[in-house]
C-alpha atoms as a PDB file:
ATOM      1  CA  MET A   1     -35.882  -3.128  12.165  1.00  0.00           C
ATOM      2  CA  GLN A   2     -39.355  -3.277  10.858  1.00  0.00           C
ATOM      3  CA  TYR A   3     -38.739  -6.560   8.985  1.00  0.00           C
ATOM      4  CA  ARG A   4     -39.102 -10.191  10.057  1.00  0.00           C
ATOM      5  CA  ILE A   5     -35.881 -11.881   8.866  1.00  0.00           C
ATOM      6  CA  ASP A   6     -35.544 -15.613   8.300  1.00  0.00           C
ATOM      7  CA  PHE A   7     -32.092 -17.101   8.016  1.00  0.00           C
ATOM      8  CA  PHE A   8     -31.138 -20.211   6.020  1.00  0.00           C
ATOM      9  CA  HIS A   9     -27.857 -22.104   5.630  1.00  0.00           C
ATOM     10  CA  GLU A  10     -28.099 -23.594   2.110  1.00  0.00           C
ATOM     11  CA  PRO A  11     -26.506 -23.566  -1.269  1.00  0.00           C
ATOM     12  CA  VAL A  12     -26.597 -20.156  -2.954  1.00  0.00           C
ATOM     13  CA  LYS A  13     -26.504 -19.961  -6.738  1.00  0.00           C
ATOM     14  CA  ASP A  14     -23.895 -17.582  -8.135  1.00  0.00           C
ATOM     15  CA  GLY A  15     -22.587 -16.411  -4.739  1.00  0.00           C
ATOM     16  CA  TYR A  16     -21.973 -17.017  -1.110  1.00  0.00           C
ATOM     17  CA  ALA A  17     -24.950 -15.044   0.297  1.00  0.00           C
ATOM     18  CA  GLN A  18     -28.281 -13.781  -0.817  1.00  0.00           C
ATOM     19  CA  ILE A  19     -31.221 -11.806   0.454  1.00  0.00           C
ATOM     20  CA  ILE A  20     -34.718 -11.716  -0.884  1.00  0.00           C
ATOM     21  CA  VAL A  21     -36.926  -8.883   0.530  1.00  0.00           C
ATOM     22  CA  TYR A  22     -40.636  -8.910   0.399  1.00  0.00           C
ATOM     23  CA  GLU A  23     -41.318  -5.237   0.928  1.00  0.00           C
ATOM     24  CA  LEU A  24     -45.116  -5.381   1.224  1.00  0.00           C
ATOM     25  CA  SER A  25     -45.038  -8.059   3.915  1.00  0.00           C
ATOM     26  CA  LYS A  26     -41.917  -6.602   5.542  1.00  0.00           C
ATOM     27  CA  THR A  27     -40.163  -9.953   5.494  1.00  0.00           C
ATOM     28  CA  ALA A  28     -36.760 -10.980   4.303  1.00  0.00           C
ATOM     29  CA  ARG A  29     -35.117 -14.369   3.556  1.00  0.00           C
ATOM     30  CA  VAL A  30     -31.320 -14.420   4.033  1.00  0.00           C
ATOM     31  CA  SER A  31     -29.397 -17.401   2.704  1.00  0.00           C
ATOM     32  CA  LEU A  32     -25.762 -18.085   3.563  1.00  0.00           C
ATOM     33  CA  SER A  33     -24.040 -20.732   1.488  1.00  0.00           C
ATOM     34  CA  LYS A  34     -22.884 -23.975   2.910  1.00  0.00           C
ATOM     35  CA  ASP A  35     -20.154 -24.092   0.205  1.00  0.00           C
ATOM     36  CA  LEU A  36     -17.444 -21.509   0.585  1.00  0.00           C
ATOM     37  CA  GLY A  37     -14.270 -21.236  -1.492  1.00  0.00           C
ATOM     38  CA  LYS A  38     -10.943 -20.708   0.175  1.00  0.00           C
ATOM     39  CA  ASN A  39     -10.945 -16.911  -0.277  1.00  0.00           C
ATOM     40  CA  GLU A  40     -14.490 -16.692   1.116  1.00  0.00           C
ATOM     41  CA  VAL A  41     -13.583 -18.725   4.210  1.00  0.00           C
ATOM     42  CA  ASP A  42     -10.739 -16.198   4.812  1.00  0.00           C
ATOM     43  CA  ALA A  43     -13.217 -13.342   4.552  1.00  0.00           C
ATOM     44  CA  GLY A  44     -15.578 -14.955   6.986  1.00  0.00           C
ATOM     45  CA  PRO A  45     -19.359 -15.164   7.018  1.00  0.00           C
ATOM     46  CA  GLU A  46     -19.522 -11.803   8.813  1.00  0.00           C
ATOM     47  CA  SER A  47     -18.473 -10.065   5.627  1.00  0.00           C
ATOM     48  CA  HIS A  48     -21.228 -11.680   3.546  1.00  0.00           C
ATOM     49  CA  ALA A  49     -23.831 -11.128   6.316  1.00  0.00           C
ATOM     50  CA  ARG A  50     -22.902  -7.424   6.565  1.00  0.00           C
ATOM     51  CA  HIS A  51     -23.307  -7.103   2.793  1.00  0.00           C
ATOM     52  CA  GLU A  52     -26.779  -8.615   2.825  1.00  0.00           C
ATOM     53  CA  VAL A  53     -27.845  -6.431   5.751  1.00  0.00           C
ATOM     54  CA  LEU A  54     -26.891  -3.403   3.737  1.00  0.00           C
ATOM     55  CA  HIS A  55     -29.078  -4.680   0.938  1.00  0.00           C
ATOM     56  CA  LEU A  56     -31.976  -4.879   3.469  1.00  0.00           C
ATOM     57  CA  LEU A  57     -31.230  -1.364   4.685  1.00  0.00           C
ATOM     58  CA  THR A  58     -31.354   0.056   1.223  1.00  0.00           C
ATOM     59  CA  ASN A  59     -34.114  -2.158  -0.206  1.00  0.00           C
ATOM     60  CA  ARG A  60     -36.945   0.308   0.250  1.00  0.00           C
ATOM     61  CA  LEU A  61     -35.146   2.882  -1.862  1.00  0.00           C
ATOM     62  CA  ARG A  62     -34.842   0.403  -4.675  1.00  0.00           C
ATOM     63  CA  TRP A  63     -38.393  -0.805  -4.255  1.00  0.00           C
ATOM     64  CA  LEU A  64     -39.785   2.715  -4.324  1.00  0.00           C
ATOM     65  CA  GLY A  65     -37.718   3.495  -7.405  1.00  0.00           C
ATOM     66  CA  CYS A  66     -39.137   0.452  -9.154  1.00  0.00           C
ATOM     67  CA  CYS A  67     -42.628   1.643  -8.332  1.00  0.00           C
ATOM     68  CA  ARG A  68     -41.858   4.927 -10.015  1.00  0.00           C
ATOM     69  CA  TYR A  69     -41.142   3.221 -13.353  1.00  0.00           C
ATOM     70  CA  ILE A  70     -37.392   3.743 -13.356  1.00  0.00           C
ATOM     71  CA  GLY A  71     -35.465   1.095 -15.313  1.00  0.00           C
ATOM     72  CA  ASP A  72     -34.816  -1.880 -13.066  1.00  0.00           C
ATOM     73  CA  ASP A  73     -31.373  -2.527 -14.551  1.00  0.00           C
ATOM     74  CA  ASP A  74     -30.287   0.999 -13.713  1.00  0.00           C
ATOM     75  CA  LEU A  75     -31.676   0.800 -10.231  1.00  0.00           C
ATOM     76  CA  SER A  76     -30.069  -2.597  -9.541  1.00  0.00           C
ATOM     77  CA  GLU A  77     -26.702  -1.436 -10.691  1.00  0.00           C
ATOM     78  CA  GLU A  78     -26.833   1.736  -8.485  1.00  0.00           C
ATOM     79  CA  TRP A  79     -28.210  -0.263  -5.515  1.00  0.00           C
ATOM     80  CA  GLU A  80     -25.250  -2.609  -5.627  1.00  0.00           C
ATOM     81  CA  ALA A  81     -22.808   0.283  -5.981  1.00  0.00           C
ATOM     82  CA  VAL A  82     -24.246   2.004  -2.859  1.00  0.00           C
ATOM     83  CA  VAL A  83     -24.096  -1.257  -0.878  1.00  0.00           C
ATOM     84  CA  VAL A  84     -20.436  -1.825  -1.863  1.00  0.00           C
ATOM     85  CA  ARG A  85     -19.541   1.717  -0.851  1.00  0.00           C
ATOM     86  CA  LEU A  86     -21.338   1.397   2.549  1.00  0.00           C
ATOM     87  CA  ASP A  87     -19.649  -2.016   3.058  1.00  0.00           C
ATOM     88  CA  LYS A  88     -16.215  -0.384   2.554  1.00  0.00           C
ATOM     89  CA  VAL A  89     -17.033   2.396   4.959  1.00  0.00           C
ATOM     90  CA  LEU A  90     -18.359   0.044   7.693  1.00  0.00           C
ATOM     91  CA  LYS A  91     -15.327  -2.265   7.667  1.00  0.00           C
END
């Protein structure tokens, strides 16, 4: 990959994993929660990590769309939908 990725094991607000991508510097910050619910423990951290990797793989598409003045809400919704579909295919 062309990104430097830093991983953190810390609380994540409103979820179990999160990625923040800084496209211009080609860096990403991946946070995996320390606090998992019972269902999330059963799913395993691999499931959350895979989901965040797919966000990284599709981030440039979202970023470019935002640069072209497309509504961010529409792009975010479609980005998540594509990631969920890819996640199902890759399981």
